[in-house]
Amino acid sequence: MLLNLLIVGVFVLGTYPLPETFRDVLWEIEFVVVALFILEYMFILVIILRIFTFCFIFGLSILI
C-alpha cells in the first residue's frame, strides 16, 4: 500500500511545473518503486508456484 501511495504521489508531483533537477529525482524514485513492484510480484509468483506444485503433487496422492 505504501508503494502505491508513493507512486501516485510521484505521478502527481510530475504533473506540476518543476525544476529539471527535481524531475530527475522524481524519475529515479519512480524507477526504484517500479523495480520494487516487479520484485514483489516475482516473489509472489514464486510462492504461488511452490504452493501449487506442493498441492498438485501431494493433492493427487490424497485423492487416489
Protein backbone atom coordinates (compact mmCIF):
# COMPACT_ATOMS: atom_id res chain seq x y z
CA MET A 1 0.00 0.00 0.00
CA LEU A 2 2.86 2.33 0.76
CA LEU A 3 4.37 1.74 -2.68
CA ASN A 4 1.02 2.55 -4.27
CA LEU A 5 0.77 5.85 -2.43
CA LEU A 6 4.36 6.68 -3.26
CA ILE A 7 3.96 6.05 -6.99
CA VAL A 8 0.73 8.08 -7.09
CA GLY A 9 2.44 10.93 -5.24
CA VAL A 10 5.38 10.87 -7.64
CA PHE A 11 3.00 10.88 -10.60
CA VAL A 12 1.02 13.82 -9.23
CA LEU A 13 4.18 15.78 -8.46
CA GLY A 14 5.36 15.10 -12.01
CA THR A 15 2.33 16.95 -13.40
CA TYR A 16 3.42 20.24 -11.83
CA PRO A 17 5.96 22.55 -13.45
CA LEU A 18 9.10 21.67 -11.50
CA PRO A 19 12.80 22.34 -11.99
CA GLU A 20 14.63 19.83 -14.15
CA THR A 21 16.79 18.55 -11.27
CA PHE A 22 13.68 17.77 -9.20
CA ARG A 23 12.14 15.96 -12.18
CA ASP A 24 15.27 13.81 -12.41
CA VAL A 25 14.95 12.89 -8.73
CA LEU A 26 11.27 12.02 -9.27
CA TRP A 27 12.20 9.81 -12.22
CA GLU A 28 14.77 7.97 -10.10
CA ILE A 29 12.22 7.47 -7.31
CA GLU A 30 9.69 6.17 -9.83
CA PHE A 31 12.26 3.76 -11.26
CA VAL A 32 13.09 2.35 -7.81
CA VAL A 33 9.40 1.98 -6.88
CA VAL A 34 8.61 0.16 -10.13
CA ALA A 35 11.60 -2.13 -9.56
CA LEU A 36 10.24 -2.91 -6.08
CA PHE A 37 6.82 -3.67 -7.59
CA ILE A 38 8.44 -6.09 -10.03
CA LEU A 39 10.39 -7.81 -7.26
CA GLU A 40 7.27 -8.08 -5.12
CA TYR A 41 5.24 -9.70 -7.89
CA MET A 42 8.07 -12.05 -8.80
CA PHE A 43 8.28 -13.13 -5.15
CA ILE A 44 4.52 -13.70 -5.02
CA LEU A 45 4.68 -15.70 -8.26
CA VAL A 46 7.44 -17.95 -6.90
CA ILE A 47 5.50 -18.58 -3.68
CA ILE A 48 2.29 -19.36 -5.58
CA LEU A 49 4.09 -21.74 -7.92
CA ARG A 50 5.63 -23.58 -4.96
CA ILE A 51 2.25 -23.88 -3.25
CA PHE A 52 0.62 -25.05 -6.48
CA THR A 53 3.36 -27.63 -7.06
CA PHE A 54 3.05 -28.91 -3.49
CA CYS A 55 -0.73 -29.18 -3.75
CA PHE A 56 -0.54 -30.84 -7.16
CA ILE A 57 2.00 -33.46 -6.10
CA PHE A 58 0.53 -34.30 -2.71
CA GLY A 59 -3.08 -33.47 -3.55
CA LEU A 60 -3.30 -36.17 -6.21
CA SER A 61 -1.91 -38.81 -3.89
CA ILE A 62 -4.59 -37.95 -1.34
CA LEU A 63 -7.38 -38.29 -3.92
CA ILE A 64 -6.18 -41.68 -5.19
